[in-house]
Amino acid sequence: MVKEIITEILKQVIQDGKGILVNTSSHRYGLKDLTPSRAILRLYKDLNGKIVTIG
């Protein structure tokens, strides 16, 4: 259920010509994954998302 919601959000983001931000603070705080997660970034790419910023 959550994946379907995230998929719909990402589709809308892509349709609107917007991108997503990879927040690098996860590295500073020693988290095991990125923010958003690698799975969400992969889904974004699979949906043909092209705009990714790093902050």
C-alpha atoms as a PDB file:
ATOM      1  CA  MET A   1       0.000   0.000   0.000  1.00  0.00           C
ATOM      2  CA  VAL A   2       2.738   2.474   0.892  1.00  0.00           C
ATOM      3  CA  LYS A   3       4.649   1.673  -2.313  1.00  0.00           C
ATOM      4  CA  GLU A   4       1.573   2.448  -4.390  1.00  0.00           C
ATOM      5  CA  ILE A   5       1.151   5.815  -2.668  1.00  0.00           C
ATOM      6  CA  ILE A   6       4.817   6.690  -3.164  1.00  0.00           C
ATOM      7  CA  THR A   7       4.575   5.612  -6.808  1.00  0.00           C
ATOM      8  CA  GLU A   8       1.621   7.940  -7.407  1.00  0.00           C
ATOM      9  CA  ILE A   9       3.437  10.829  -5.711  1.00  0.00           C
ATOM     10  CA  LEU A  10       6.569  10.260  -7.786  1.00  0.00           C
ATOM     11  CA  LYS A  11       4.534  10.044 -11.000  1.00  0.00           C
ATOM     12  CA  GLN A  12       2.996  13.432 -10.208  1.00  0.00           C
ATOM     13  CA  VAL A  13       6.403  14.919  -9.369  1.00  0.00           C
ATOM     14  CA  ILE A  14       7.772  13.706 -12.718  1.00  0.00           C
ATOM     15  CA  GLN A  15       4.704  14.908 -14.611  1.00  0.00           C
ATOM     16  CA  ASP A  16       5.096  18.360 -13.028  1.00  0.00           C
ATOM     17  CA  GLY A  17       8.714  18.513 -14.207  1.00  0.00           C
ATOM     18  CA  LYS A  18      10.073  18.539 -10.666  1.00  0.00           C
ATOM     19  CA  GLY A  19      12.766  16.476  -8.997  1.00  0.00           C
ATOM     20  CA  ILE A  20      13.620  15.029  -5.625  1.00  0.00           C
ATOM     21  CA  LEU A  21      16.293  15.930  -3.087  1.00  0.00           C
ATOM     22  CA  VAL A  22      18.769  13.449  -1.643  1.00  0.00           C
ATOM     23  CA  ASN A  23      19.471  14.696   1.862  1.00  0.00           C
ATOM     24  CA  THR A  24      23.087  13.916   2.782  1.00  0.00           C
ATOM     25  CA  SER A  25      22.563  14.376   6.521  1.00  0.00           C
ATOM     26  CA  SER A  26      21.881  10.640   6.711  1.00  0.00           C
ATOM     27  CA  HIS A  27      25.634  10.133   6.229  1.00  0.00           C
ATOM     28  CA  ARG A  28      26.501  12.613   8.963  1.00  0.00           C
ATOM     29  CA  TYR A  29      24.160  10.910  11.429  1.00  0.00           C
ATOM     30  CA  GLY A  30      25.332   7.418  10.558  1.00  0.00           C
ATOM     31  CA  LEU A  31      22.025   6.202   9.151  1.00  0.00           C
ATOM     32  CA  LYS A  32      22.113   2.975   7.163  1.00  0.00           C
ATOM     33  CA  ASP A  33      20.361   4.384   4.106  1.00  0.00           C
ATOM     34  CA  LEU A  34      19.892   7.612   2.219  1.00  0.00           C
ATOM     35  CA  THR A  35      16.978   9.991   2.612  1.00  0.00           C
ATOM     36  CA  PRO A  36      14.911   9.170   0.600  1.00  0.00           C
ATOM     37  CA  SER A  37      15.868   5.504   0.632  1.00  0.00           C
ATOM     38  CA  ARG A  38      17.709   3.833  -2.200  1.00  0.00           C
ATOM     39  CA  ALA A  39      14.507   1.911  -2.972  1.00  0.00           C
ATOM     40  CA  ILE A  40      12.592   5.154  -3.521  1.00  0.00           C
ATOM     41  CA  LEU A  41      15.411   6.579  -5.651  1.00  0.00           C
ATOM     42  CA  ARG A  42      15.397   3.388  -7.735  1.00  0.00           C
ATOM     43  CA  LEU A  43      11.616   3.624  -8.143  1.00  0.00           C
ATOM     44  CA  TYR A  44      11.957   7.271  -9.210  1.00  0.00           C
ATOM     45  CA  LYS A  45      14.527   6.250 -11.843  1.00  0.00           C
ATOM     46  CA  ASP A  46      12.373   3.326 -13.014  1.00  0.00           C
ATOM     47  CA  LEU A  47       9.499   5.802 -13.531  1.00  0.00           C
ATOM     48  CA  ASN A  48      11.874   7.863 -15.736  1.00  0.00           C
ATOM     49  CA  GLY A  49      12.524  10.535 -13.150  1.00  0.00           C
ATOM     50  CA  LYS A  50      15.564  12.556 -14.159  1.00  0.00           C
ATOM     51  CA  ILE A  51      15.922  15.469 -11.726  1.00  0.00           C
ATOM     52  CA  VAL A  52      17.820  14.679  -8.532  1.00  0.00           C
ATOM     53  CA  THR A  53      19.421  17.302  -6.323  1.00  0.00           C
ATOM     54  CA  ILE A  54      21.778  16.780  -3.408  1.00  0.00           C
ATOM     55  CA  GLY A  55      21.610  18.784  -0.223  1.00  0.00           C
END
